[in-house]
Amino acid sequence: MRLRNEGRSIRGTIRIQDKDQVVAQAENMAIPRGVSDVQFPYTRYSFQRSDHCFTVSVDFERTPYPLDAAKEFCGKPMGWTLRP
């Protein structure tokens, strides 16, 4: 995922969720000011419903903040890859 931080550099956990199920997370990451690429570890997540859109948040100082996205973050049935 490509992330743009327009604020100060922080350390936090980036989480991708499908409703209440965690799809993937990158824990205790340095999130520098500017644009950075985030790699998530492999998980055994499988789609649970017909809507394949996800929410992304950053947990900073034990408070989750939703990310503003330019586009909706959804899985597309093209061999099931995730593309924004």
C-alpha atoms as a PDB file:
ATOM      1  CA  MET A   1       0.000   0.000   0.000  1.00  0.00           C
ATOM      2  CA  ARG A   2       1.213   3.529  -0.728  1.00  0.00           C
ATOM      3  CA  LEU A   3       0.666   5.859   2.207  1.00  0.00           C
ATOM      4  CA  ARG A   4       0.986   9.641   2.281  1.00  0.00           C
ATOM      5  CA  ASN A   5       1.456  11.254   5.689  1.00  0.00           C
ATOM      6  CA  GLU A   6       0.939  15.007   5.554  1.00  0.00           C
ATOM      7  CA  GLY A   7       1.520  15.431   9.300  1.00  0.00           C
ATOM      8  CA  ARG A   8       4.479  14.739  11.525  1.00  0.00           C
ATOM      9  CA  SER A   9       6.346  11.434  11.597  1.00  0.00           C
ATOM     10  CA  ILE A  10       4.730   8.915  13.938  1.00  0.00           C
ATOM     11  CA  ARG A  11       4.947   5.273  14.980  1.00  0.00           C
ATOM     12  CA  GLY A  12       1.760   3.198  14.791  1.00  0.00           C
ATOM     13  CA  THR A  13      -0.031   0.094  13.552  1.00  0.00           C
ATOM     14  CA  ILE A  14      -1.668   0.129  10.110  1.00  0.00           C
ATOM     15  CA  ARG A  15      -4.654  -2.196   9.891  1.00  0.00           C
ATOM     16  CA  ILE A  16      -6.831  -3.374   6.980  1.00  0.00           C
ATOM     17  CA  GLN A  17     -10.243  -4.647   8.091  1.00  0.00           C
ATOM     18  CA  ASP A  18     -13.281  -6.346   6.588  1.00  0.00           C
ATOM     19  CA  LYS A  19     -16.020  -5.209   9.001  1.00  0.00           C
ATOM     20  CA  ASP A  20     -14.746  -6.620  12.346  1.00  0.00           C
ATOM     21  CA  GLN A  21     -12.204  -9.080  10.874  1.00  0.00           C
ATOM     22  CA  VAL A  22      -8.558  -8.008  10.576  1.00  0.00           C
ATOM     23  CA  VAL A  23      -7.326  -8.786   7.045  1.00  0.00           C
ATOM     24  CA  ALA A  24      -3.709  -7.706   7.622  1.00  0.00           C
ATOM     25  CA  GLN A  25      -1.745  -5.368   9.829  1.00  0.00           C
ATOM     26  CA  ALA A  26       1.726  -3.890  10.009  1.00  0.00           C
ATOM     27  CA  GLU A  27       2.561  -3.347  13.670  1.00  0.00           C
ATOM     28  CA  ASN A  28       4.639  -0.662  15.353  1.00  0.00           C
ATOM     29  CA  MET A  29       5.768   0.923  12.079  1.00  0.00           C
ATOM     30  CA  ALA A  30       7.594   4.178  11.624  1.00  0.00           C
ATOM     31  CA  ILE A  31       5.337   6.317   9.426  1.00  0.00           C
ATOM     32  CA  PRO A  32       7.495   9.158   8.099  1.00  0.00           C
ATOM     33  CA  ARG A  33       6.209  12.434   6.740  1.00  0.00           C
ATOM     34  CA  GLY A  34       5.654  12.187   2.977  1.00  0.00           C
ATOM     35  CA  VAL A  35       4.949   9.163   0.783  1.00  0.00           C
ATOM     36  CA  SER A  36       6.016   5.650   1.761  1.00  0.00           C
ATOM     37  CA  ASP A  37       5.176   2.093   0.692  1.00  0.00           C
ATOM     38  CA  VAL A  38       3.869  -0.341   3.315  1.00  0.00           C
ATOM     39  CA  GLN A  39       4.266  -4.107   2.981  1.00  0.00           C
ATOM     40  CA  PHE A  40       1.863  -6.298   4.931  1.00  0.00           C
ATOM     41  CA  PRO A  41       2.650  -9.829   6.097  1.00  0.00           C
ATOM     42  CA  TYR A  42       0.810 -12.738   4.464  1.00  0.00           C
ATOM     43  CA  THR A  43      -2.409 -13.807   6.190  1.00  0.00           C
ATOM     44  CA  ARG A  44      -4.920 -16.582   5.594  1.00  0.00           C
ATOM     45  CA  TYR A  45      -7.798 -14.145   5.148  1.00  0.00           C
ATOM     46  CA  SER A  46     -10.692 -15.259   2.944  1.00  0.00           C
ATOM     47  CA  PHE A  47     -13.627 -13.134   1.821  1.00  0.00           C
ATOM     48  CA  GLN A  48     -16.631 -13.514   4.110  1.00  0.00           C
ATOM     49  CA  ARG A  49     -19.311 -11.602   2.199  1.00  0.00           C
ATOM     50  CA  SER A  50     -20.283 -10.445  -1.268  1.00  0.00           C
ATOM     51  CA  ASP A  51     -19.029  -6.864  -0.697  1.00  0.00           C
ATOM     52  CA  HIS A  52     -15.223  -6.977  -0.922  1.00  0.00           C
ATOM     53  CA  CYS A  53     -14.372  -3.469   0.259  1.00  0.00           C
ATOM     54  CA  PHE A  54     -12.118  -2.783   3.230  1.00  0.00           C
ATOM     55  CA  THR A  55     -11.400  -0.074   5.759  1.00  0.00           C
ATOM     56  CA  VAL A  56      -7.847   1.016   6.549  1.00  0.00           C
ATOM     57  CA  SER A  57      -6.837   2.677   9.810  1.00  0.00           C
ATOM     58  CA  VAL A  58      -3.744   3.757  11.704  1.00  0.00           C
ATOM     59  CA  ASP A  59      -3.653   2.966  15.414  1.00  0.00           C
ATOM     60  CA  PHE A  60      -1.647   5.783  17.022  1.00  0.00           C
ATOM     61  CA  GLU A  61      -1.273   6.030  20.795  1.00  0.00           C
ATOM     62  CA  ARG A  62      -3.985   3.355  21.254  1.00  0.00           C
ATOM     63  CA  THR A  63      -6.544   5.245  19.163  1.00  0.00           C
ATOM     64  CA  PRO A  64      -7.525   4.028  15.656  1.00  0.00           C
ATOM     65  CA  TYR A  65      -7.850   6.731  13.006  1.00  0.00           C
ATOM     66  CA  PRO A  66      -9.474   5.915   9.631  1.00  0.00           C
ATOM     67  CA  LEU A  67      -7.395   6.824   6.596  1.00  0.00           C
ATOM     68  CA  ASP A  68      -8.709   9.209   3.993  1.00  0.00           C
ATOM     69  CA  ALA A  69      -8.490   7.397   0.661  1.00  0.00           C
ATOM     70  CA  ALA A  70      -8.605   8.865  -2.821  1.00  0.00           C
ATOM     71  CA  LYS A  71     -10.448   5.735  -3.968  1.00  0.00           C
ATOM     72  CA  GLU A  72     -12.391   2.957  -2.281  1.00  0.00           C
ATOM     73  CA  PHE A  73     -10.142   0.030  -1.310  1.00  0.00           C
ATOM     74  CA  CYS A  74     -11.831  -3.076  -2.777  1.00  0.00           C
ATOM     75  CA  GLY A  75     -10.877  -6.519  -4.063  1.00  0.00           C
ATOM     76  CA  LYS A  76     -11.620  -7.021  -7.758  1.00  0.00           C
ATOM     77  CA  PRO A  77     -12.467 -10.444  -9.237  1.00  0.00           C
ATOM     78  CA  MET A  78      -9.415 -10.459 -11.531  1.00  0.00           C
ATOM     79  CA  GLY A  79      -7.699 -13.498 -10.063  1.00  0.00           C
ATOM     80  CA  TRP A  80      -8.521 -11.886  -6.685  1.00  0.00           C
ATOM     81  CA  THR A  81      -5.800  -9.302  -6.471  1.00  0.00           C
ATOM     82  CA  LEU A  82      -6.309  -6.154  -4.439  1.00  0.00           C
ATOM     83  CA  ARG A  83      -6.163  -2.930  -6.405  1.00  0.00           C
ATOM     84  CA  PRO A  84      -7.283   0.554  -5.335  1.00  0.00           C
END
